[in-house]
Protein backbone atom coordinates (compact mmCIF):
# COMPACT_ATOMS: atom_id res chain seq x y z
CA MET A 1 139.85 331.87 185.42
CA VAL A 2 142.67 331.06 187.65
CA LYS A 3 141.58 329.25 190.94
CA ALA A 4 142.35 330.75 194.30
CA LEU A 5 144.65 329.12 196.20
CA PRO A 6 142.88 327.26 199.23
CA THR A 7 143.97 328.44 202.57
CA GLY A 8 144.44 324.70 203.79
CA ALA A 9 144.51 320.75 202.40
CA GLU A 10 144.86 317.82 203.92
CA LEU A 11 148.34 317.01 201.72
CA VAL A 12 150.22 319.61 199.53
CA ILE A 13 152.04 317.81 196.83
CA VAL A 14 154.98 320.91 195.49
CA GLY A 15 156.24 319.85 192.05
CA ALA A 16 154.20 318.67 189.43
CA GLY A 17 156.36 316.80 186.84
CA VAL A 18 156.04 312.80 186.59
CA VAL A 19 156.75 312.13 190.26
CA GLY A 20 154.44 314.36 191.74
CA ALA A 21 151.66 313.16 189.55
CA SER A 22 152.20 309.67 190.63
CA THR A 23 152.26 310.44 194.22
CA ALA A 24 148.88 312.76 193.86
CA PHE A 25 147.10 309.61 191.95
CA TRP A 26 147.98 307.19 194.54
CA ALA A 27 147.40 309.51 197.32
CA SER A 28 143.98 310.15 196.09
CA ARG A 29 143.45 306.46 195.76
CA ALA A 30 144.43 306.26 199.02
CA GLY A 31 141.59 308.35 200.39
CA LEU A 32 143.57 311.45 200.46
CA ARG A 33 142.89 314.91 199.29
CA PRO A 34 145.88 316.37 197.49
CA VAL A 35 146.61 319.69 196.28
CA VAL A 36 149.40 320.08 193.82
CA LEU A 37 151.41 323.23 193.63
CA GLU A 38 153.89 323.70 190.52
CA ALA A 39 155.89 326.95 190.24
CA ARG A 40 156.16 326.71 186.70
CA PRO A 41 153.19 327.76 184.38
CA ALA A 42 152.34 324.04 183.37
CA ALA A 43 152.99 320.78 184.75
CA ALA A 44 155.98 318.30 183.35
CA SER A 45 157.31 321.45 181.90
CA LEU A 46 160.87 320.84 183.52
CA THR A 47 163.06 317.40 184.00
CA THR A 48 160.55 315.52 183.07
CA PRO A 49 160.08 316.23 179.01
CA ALA A 50 163.60 316.24 178.82
CA SER A 51 164.30 312.36 179.52
CA THR A 52 164.32 310.13 177.16
CA GLY A 53 160.98 308.57 178.01
CA ALA A 54 162.04 305.02 178.61
CA PHE A 55 161.45 302.17 180.71
CA ARG A 56 163.31 298.90 180.98
CA LEU A 57 163.48 295.60 183.55
CA GLN A 58 167.26 295.33 183.15
CA PHE A 59 168.45 296.96 186.94
CA ASP A 60 171.38 295.57 189.45
CA ASN A 61 169.19 295.62 192.44
CA ARG A 62 166.18 293.81 192.99
CA GLU A 63 164.18 296.49 194.84
CA GLU A 64 164.43 299.17 191.94
CA MET A 65 163.59 296.02 189.43
CA GLU A 66 160.71 295.27 191.37
CA LEU A 67 159.86 298.91 191.74
CA VAL A 68 159.67 299.40 187.58
CA ARG A 69 157.74 295.75 187.29
CA GLU A 70 154.92 297.50 189.27
CA SER A 71 155.41 300.78 186.92
CA VAL A 72 155.10 298.93 183.77
CA ASP A 73 152.11 297.07 184.77
CA LEU A 74 150.41 300.88 185.95
CA ILE A 75 151.36 301.74 181.92
CA LEU A 76 150.69 298.95 180.36
CA ASN A 77 147.35 298.65 181.55
CA PHE A 78 146.99 302.56 182.16
CA THR A 79 143.15 302.77 181.02
CA GLU A 80 142.15 299.86 183.37
CA VAL A 81 144.03 301.47 186.44
CA THR A 82 143.66 305.13 185.70
CA GLY A 83 140.42 305.46 183.72
CA GLU A 84 142.53 307.74 181.40
CA ASP A 85 143.06 307.16 177.90
CA SER A 86 146.36 305.38 177.28
CA ASP A 87 146.23 306.44 173.62
CA PRO A 88 148.69 309.31 173.96
CA LEU A 89 151.44 307.42 176.03
CA ALA A 90 152.86 306.77 172.82
CA ILE A 91 154.10 302.86 174.66
CA ARG A 92 156.53 301.07 171.93
CA GLN A 93 158.16 298.09 173.04
CA PRO A 94 161.52 297.45 171.01
CA GLY A 95 163.54 296.21 173.74
CA TYR A 96 166.75 297.89 175.90
CA LEU A 97 170.42 296.24 174.22
CA TRP A 98 173.75 296.90 175.87
CA ALA A 99 176.30 296.31 173.82
CA THR A 100 180.25 295.80 174.93
CA THR A 101 183.61 294.97 172.97
CA SER A 102 185.35 293.84 175.39
CA ASP A 103 185.73 290.33 176.97
CA ASP A 104 185.90 291.83 180.50
CA GLY A 105 182.50 293.60 179.49
CA ALA A 106 181.10 290.30 178.29
CA GLU A 107 181.94 288.59 181.69
CA ALA A 108 180.23 291.53 183.48
CA GLN A 109 177.27 291.29 181.34
CA ARG A 110 177.19 287.59 182.05
CA ARG A 111 177.41 287.81 185.79
CA LEU A 112 174.68 290.70 185.83
CA VAL A 113 172.32 289.03 183.55
CA SER A 114 172.97 285.27 185.83
CA LEU A 115 171.84 288.01 189.08
CA GLN A 116 168.77 289.05 187.42
CA HIS A 117 167.46 285.62 186.19
CA SER A 118 167.76 284.95 189.66
CA TRP A 119 165.22 287.61 190.79
CA GLY A 120 162.77 286.14 188.54
CA GLN A 121 163.52 288.08 185.49
CA THR A 122 164.59 285.27 183.19
CA ASP A 123 163.13 287.03 179.75
CA ILE A 124 166.97 288.86 179.45
CA GLU A 125 168.87 287.00 176.95
CA LEU A 126 172.77 287.27 176.42
CA LEU A 127 173.42 287.05 172.03
CA ASP A 128 177.10 286.82 171.05
CA GLY A 129 178.43 289.40 168.50
CA ALA A 130 177.21 287.22 165.35
CA GLU A 131 174.03 286.70 166.87
CA ALA A 132 173.53 290.09 167.85
CA ARG A 133 174.52 291.74 163.90
CA ARG A 134 172.29 289.21 162.93
CA ARG A 135 169.47 290.27 164.75
CA PHE A 136 170.58 293.76 165.02
CA PRO A 137 172.60 294.61 161.80
CA TYR A 138 173.55 298.36 162.56
CA LEU A 139 175.96 296.96 165.34
CA SER A 140 179.57 297.15 164.92
CA GLY A 141 181.69 294.13 164.12
CA ASP A 142 183.92 295.03 167.21
CA VAL A 143 181.06 294.05 169.72
CA VAL A 144 181.51 290.53 171.08
CA GLN A 145 178.29 290.07 172.54
CA VAL A 146 174.99 292.19 173.92
CA ARG A 147 172.51 291.88 176.92
CA TYR A 148 168.49 292.25 175.56
CA ARG A 149 165.28 292.36 176.88
CA ALA A 150 162.28 292.54 173.93
CA ASP A 151 160.12 293.49 176.61
CA ASP A 152 161.67 296.92 177.47
CA GLY A 153 160.64 300.08 176.04
CA PHE A 154 159.40 303.95 175.46
CA ILE A 155 156.52 306.32 176.89
CA ASP A 156 155.46 310.26 176.09
CA PRO A 157 156.54 311.23 179.96
CA ARG A 158 154.53 314.41 179.45
CA ALA A 159 151.35 312.38 178.57
CA LEU A 160 151.94 309.86 181.19
CA THR A 161 152.48 312.87 183.85
CA LEU A 162 149.06 314.40 182.76
CA GLY A 163 147.27 311.13 182.10
CA LEU A 164 148.16 310.80 186.29
CA LEU A 165 147.25 314.30 187.08
CA ALA A 166 143.81 313.78 185.52
CA ALA A 167 143.35 310.69 187.22
CA SER A 168 144.25 312.03 190.22
CA GLN A 169 141.40 314.92 190.17
CA ALA A 170 143.84 316.55 192.33
CA PRO A 171 143.60 320.77 192.08
CA LEU A 172 146.66 321.64 190.47
CA HIS A 173 148.18 325.25 190.96
CA THR A 174 150.34 326.37 188.60
CA SER A 175 153.01 329.47 188.51
CA CYS A 176 152.57 328.79 192.36
CA ARG A 177 156.24 329.73 193.83
CA VAL A 178 156.34 327.86 197.46
CA SER A 179 159.08 330.85 198.67
CA SER A 180 159.30 328.98 202.76
CA VAL A 181 158.21 326.21 204.57
CA GLU A 182 157.57 326.27 208.47
CA ALA A 183 156.49 323.72 210.59
CA LEU A 184 153.81 324.47 213.13
CA ALA A 185 154.41 324.19 216.73
CA ALA A 186 150.85 322.42 216.86
CA GLY A 187 151.35 320.01 213.81
CA GLY A 188 151.16 320.27 210.05
CA PHE A 189 152.74 323.41 207.93
CA ARG A 190 152.60 326.88 206.66
CA LEU A 191 153.48 327.47 202.73
CA GLU A 192 153.94 330.76 201.90
CA THR A 193 153.77 331.21 197.89
CA ASN A 194 153.55 334.01 195.54
CA GLN A 195 149.52 333.47 195.64
CA GLY A 196 149.43 333.62 199.22
CA SER A 197 149.22 330.97 201.77
CA ILE A 198 148.54 327.74 202.44
CA ARG A 199 148.08 325.21 205.70
CA ALA A 200 148.94 321.82 205.32
CA ASP A 201 148.61 318.94 207.58
CA GLN A 202 151.29 316.94 205.79
CA VAL A 203 153.46 317.96 202.46
CA VAL A 204 155.35 315.93 200.09
CA ASN A 205 158.42 317.15 198.32
CA ALA A 206 158.12 316.53 194.75
CA ALA A 207 160.18 319.26 193.60
CA GLY A 208 162.69 317.44 190.67
CA PRO A 209 166.19 319.52 191.64
CA PHE A 210 164.47 321.81 193.93
CA SER A 211 164.04 319.28 196.43
CA GLY A 212 167.01 320.21 197.99
CA LYS A 213 166.11 323.74 198.54
CA LEU A 214 162.65 322.75 199.51
CA ALA A 215 163.61 320.47 202.54
CA GLU A 216 166.39 323.26 203.52
CA MET A 217 163.16 325.50 204.42
CA VAL A 218 162.15 322.83 207.08
CA GLY A 219 165.96 322.24 208.29
CA VAL A 220 165.91 319.36 206.27
CA ASP A 221 169.49 317.97 204.67
CA LEU A 222 168.63 315.79 201.58
CA PRO A 223 171.71 313.35 199.99
CA LEU A 224 171.42 314.80 196.79
CA VAL A 225 173.45 316.09 194.31
CA VAL A 226 172.20 317.92 191.17
CA LYS A 227 173.71 317.60 187.91
CA PRO A 228 172.82 319.04 184.23
CA ARG A 229 172.03 316.49 181.89
CA HIS A 230 171.86 316.42 178.10
CA LYS A 231 169.77 314.84 175.29
CA ILE A 232 170.91 315.48 171.67
CA VAL A 233 167.90 315.26 169.55
CA VAL A 234 168.33 314.61 165.86
CA PRO A 235 165.12 314.93 164.41
CA ASP A 236 165.46 313.68 160.78
CA LEU A 237 167.67 311.01 159.84
CA ALA A 238 167.02 308.20 157.60
CA ARG A 239 169.69 305.86 158.92
CA VAL A 240 168.26 305.80 162.17
CA PRO A 241 166.63 301.99 162.34
CA PRO A 242 162.79 303.19 163.36
CA ASP A 243 162.40 299.83 165.23
CA ALA A 244 165.66 299.63 167.07
CA PRO A 245 165.60 299.27 171.02
CA MET A 246 167.43 301.66 172.92
CA THR A 247 171.09 301.08 172.03
CA ILE A 248 173.59 301.45 174.88
CA ASP A 249 177.76 301.03 174.89
CA ASP A 250 177.62 299.17 178.03
CA ASP A 251 181.41 300.13 177.96
CA THR A 252 181.60 303.98 178.02
CA GLY A 253 177.73 304.87 178.59
CA VAL A 254 176.91 306.45 175.29
CA HIS A 255 173.42 305.34 173.94
CA TRP A 256 170.17 306.56 171.72
CA ARG A 257 166.89 305.04 170.72
CA PRO A 258 164.75 306.42 167.72
CA ALA A 259 162.47 309.08 167.92
CA TYR A 260 160.53 311.24 165.93
CA SER A 261 162.22 310.32 162.44
CA GLY A 262 165.40 310.23 163.97
CA ALA A 263 166.79 309.92 167.58
CA PHE A 264 167.73 310.65 170.64
CA LEU A 265 171.28 310.37 171.71
CA LEU A 266 173.06 311.03 175.86
CA ASP A 267 176.35 310.19 176.79
CA ALA A 268 176.98 308.36 179.73
CA SER A 269 175.57 309.61 183.48
CA PRO A 270 177.09 313.04 184.55
CA VAL A 271 180.06 313.21 186.32
CA GLY A 272 181.98 316.05 188.02
CA PRO A 273 180.91 318.23 190.60
CA GLY A 274 177.09 319.12 191.57
CA ARG A 275 175.67 322.49 190.52
CA ASP A 276 172.86 324.95 191.76
CA PRO A 277 169.45 323.96 190.62
CA THR A 278 167.96 326.01 187.92
CA GLU A 279 165.21 326.00 185.41
CA ASP A 280 167.29 327.33 182.92
CA VAL A 281 170.22 324.42 182.44
CA PRO A 282 172.58 325.64 179.34
CA PRO A 283 173.33 323.28 176.64
CA ASP A 284 176.72 321.66 176.71
CA SER A 285 178.66 321.65 173.37
CA ASP A 286 181.40 319.31 174.53
CA MET A 287 179.07 316.55 175.12
CA VAL A 288 176.89 316.88 171.84
CA PHE A 289 180.65 316.72 169.81
CA ALA A 290 181.69 313.64 172.28
CA VAL A 291 179.04 311.97 171.24
CA LEU A 292 178.27 312.60 167.53
CA ASP A 293 182.31 313.17 166.06
CA PRO A 294 183.18 309.82 165.08
CA SER A 295 186.70 310.95 166.13
CA GLN A 296 186.02 311.09 169.55
CA PRO A 297 186.63 307.69 171.55
CA GLU A 298 183.17 307.46 173.04
CA SER A 299 181.21 308.56 170.31
CA ALA A 300 177.64 306.66 169.31
CA ALA A 301 179.54 305.38 166.57
CA ARG A 302 181.67 303.05 168.06
CA ILE A 303 179.22 300.46 168.41
CA SER A 304 176.38 301.67 165.77
CA PRO A 305 178.83 302.77 162.60
CA PHE A 306 176.21 304.35 161.06
CA TRP A 307 176.56 307.67 163.37
CA GLY A 308 179.72 307.87 161.64
CA GLU A 309 178.91 308.15 158.54
CA ALA A 310 176.15 310.11 158.93
CA TRP A 311 178.94 312.37 160.76
CA ARG A 312 180.89 312.39 157.51
CA ARG A 313 178.36 313.25 155.15
CA GLY A 314 177.18 316.25 156.88
CA GLU A 315 173.81 314.46 157.26
CA LEU A 316 173.32 315.31 161.21
CA ARG A 317 171.13 318.15 162.45
CA TRP A 318 170.48 318.56 165.92
CA MET A 319 169.51 320.48 168.77
CA VAL A 320 169.56 319.90 173.00
CA HIS A 321 167.44 319.59 174.98
CA SER A 322 168.54 320.18 179.15
CA GLY A 323 167.30 318.95 182.28
CA GLN A 324 168.98 317.81 185.09
CA TYR A 325 169.71 314.52 187.33
CA MET A 326 168.80 314.54 191.37
CA LEU A 327 171.79 311.63 192.32
CA THR A 328 171.69 309.97 195.85
CA PRO A 329 174.63 308.16 196.59
CA ASP A 330 173.55 304.95 195.50
CA HIS A 331 171.55 306.13 192.43
CA ARG A 332 168.03 305.11 194.31
CA PRO A 333 165.42 307.18 195.29
CA LEU A 334 164.43 308.76 198.69
CA ILE A 335 160.87 307.72 198.96
CA GLY A 336 159.52 308.46 202.79
CA GLU A 337 159.18 310.37 205.98
CA THR A 338 161.90 313.24 206.91
CA PRO A 339 163.11 313.80 210.42
CA VAL A 340 160.19 316.00 210.45
CA LYS A 341 157.30 314.21 210.97
CA GLY A 342 154.56 314.89 208.08
CA PHE A 343 157.21 316.22 206.10
CA TRP A 344 157.68 313.40 202.96
CA VAL A 345 160.25 313.32 199.93
CA ASN A 346 159.57 312.00 196.19
CA THR A 347 162.81 312.23 194.78
CA GLY A 348 166.48 311.55 193.91
CA TYR A 349 165.84 309.01 190.71
CA SER A 350 169.10 309.24 189.50
CA GLY A 351 167.40 309.36 185.71
CA HIS A 352 165.21 307.02 186.50
CA GLY A 353 162.42 308.71 187.83
CA ILE A 354 159.91 307.89 184.44
CA MET A 355 160.36 304.24 184.52
CA CYS A 356 160.59 303.91 188.77
CA SER A 357 157.86 306.74 190.04
CA PRO A 358 154.89 305.20 188.57
CA ALA A 359 155.11 302.80 191.45
CA ALA A 360 156.80 304.60 193.85
CA GLY A 361 153.64 307.50 194.35
CA ARG A 362 151.92 304.18 195.34
CA ILE A 363 154.97 302.98 197.93
CA LEU A 364 154.47 306.81 199.41
CA ALA A 365 150.96 306.87 199.44
CA ASP A 366 151.32 303.59 201.49
CA LEU A 367 153.78 305.02 204.01
CA ILE A 368 151.24 308.11 204.77
CA THR A 369 148.32 306.19 205.38
CA ALA A 370 150.53 303.72 207.06
CA ARG A 371 149.40 300.43 205.27
CA ILE A 372 153.16 299.63 204.98
CA GLY A 373 155.77 300.70 207.80
CA ASP A 374 158.69 301.06 205.45
CA SER A 375 160.71 300.64 202.23
CA PRO A 376 163.99 299.94 200.98
CA PHE A 377 163.86 303.66 199.84
CA ALA A 378 163.45 305.09 203.09
CA LEU A 379 166.30 308.21 203.72
CA ASP A 380 167.97 306.70 206.93
CA ARG A 381 168.88 303.60 204.99
CA ARG A 382 172.70 302.63 204.58
CA PHE A 383 173.84 303.62 201.36
CA VAL A 384 175.88 301.17 198.83
CA LYS A 385 177.30 302.87 195.82
CA ARG A 386 176.87 300.64 193.25
CA THR A 387 178.54 300.90 189.65
CA MET A 388 177.09 297.99 187.69
CA ASP A 389 174.24 300.44 186.16
CA ARG A 390 175.19 303.74 184.99
CA ILE A 391 172.33 304.22 182.44
């Protein structure tokens, strides 16, 4: 039986991906009574499942590193924190590895790791090419250095989302599409949906690629660009080492990690102009061949030659899962109140949503309940473009 939309709520969260789920969980923990609206027929069915489902503590800025530390603590102690079963999360920790084939790249890695160590993340290693190949024999002889952290890993992003939603005990209304949001003169908001209207004291915009469109309904312009993101799924390839870490070509951004009995592969962070958000992102065959064809300059075979051998022998079967990145100018999320009082945003993770948002929901809940007064992810911050951390 479909639950009727309530006429009013203390807090309405728009979006039931991992960001909305985390917000609902922490809002409930803070004593609020959230209601979650999701436009699609199921939660965690748009951008969240299109991710690689990975987490790492290797960042080029201290704020996101500390955010992920808190997220990982929640993930690794999921049952104790949420009361939900952690087994479906499928947590694995084979690490994250960045490999470079150039001396300039090696020097950049040394500078970054020195910075990360100064922030207390001293378990990030630098390995020269010979040591890297001894520990990871699938690496190319051209690799001169890698940076590696053994405790980084993978998780099932949809299971994480559903677990957080269940733990929140917040009513979830699916197939509930918001068509307008009106800020009321007396305070609060009226949201019109295909299931009726609902009055909210406060609203959280966690609408993923549609965050900008939702914000426009109340006259807020978010500094967001939406770009398509494509994940190549190779479901079965015996050549993939099943215990390999996330392996990233630090010179090109192409990366892969074990999944199913094969792997996920992706190119670097998307470039080019932004696109309108959509619920149906078409796949990009040019990206597929650029990553899989060993004759291409940025192929996965550049640092992991077994991909080239699999291509030449015709062993590769693949499909493409396409989603969208919500990119901010500094590739850090937007977490906080907009100029419209009571209208909050939690979005713009620039590809880091799975690893950042479990803790970011706590930050937003603390902002809403005035437990904290500000955060480094506020909308009115000075945006400084970063170049060291593209993946």
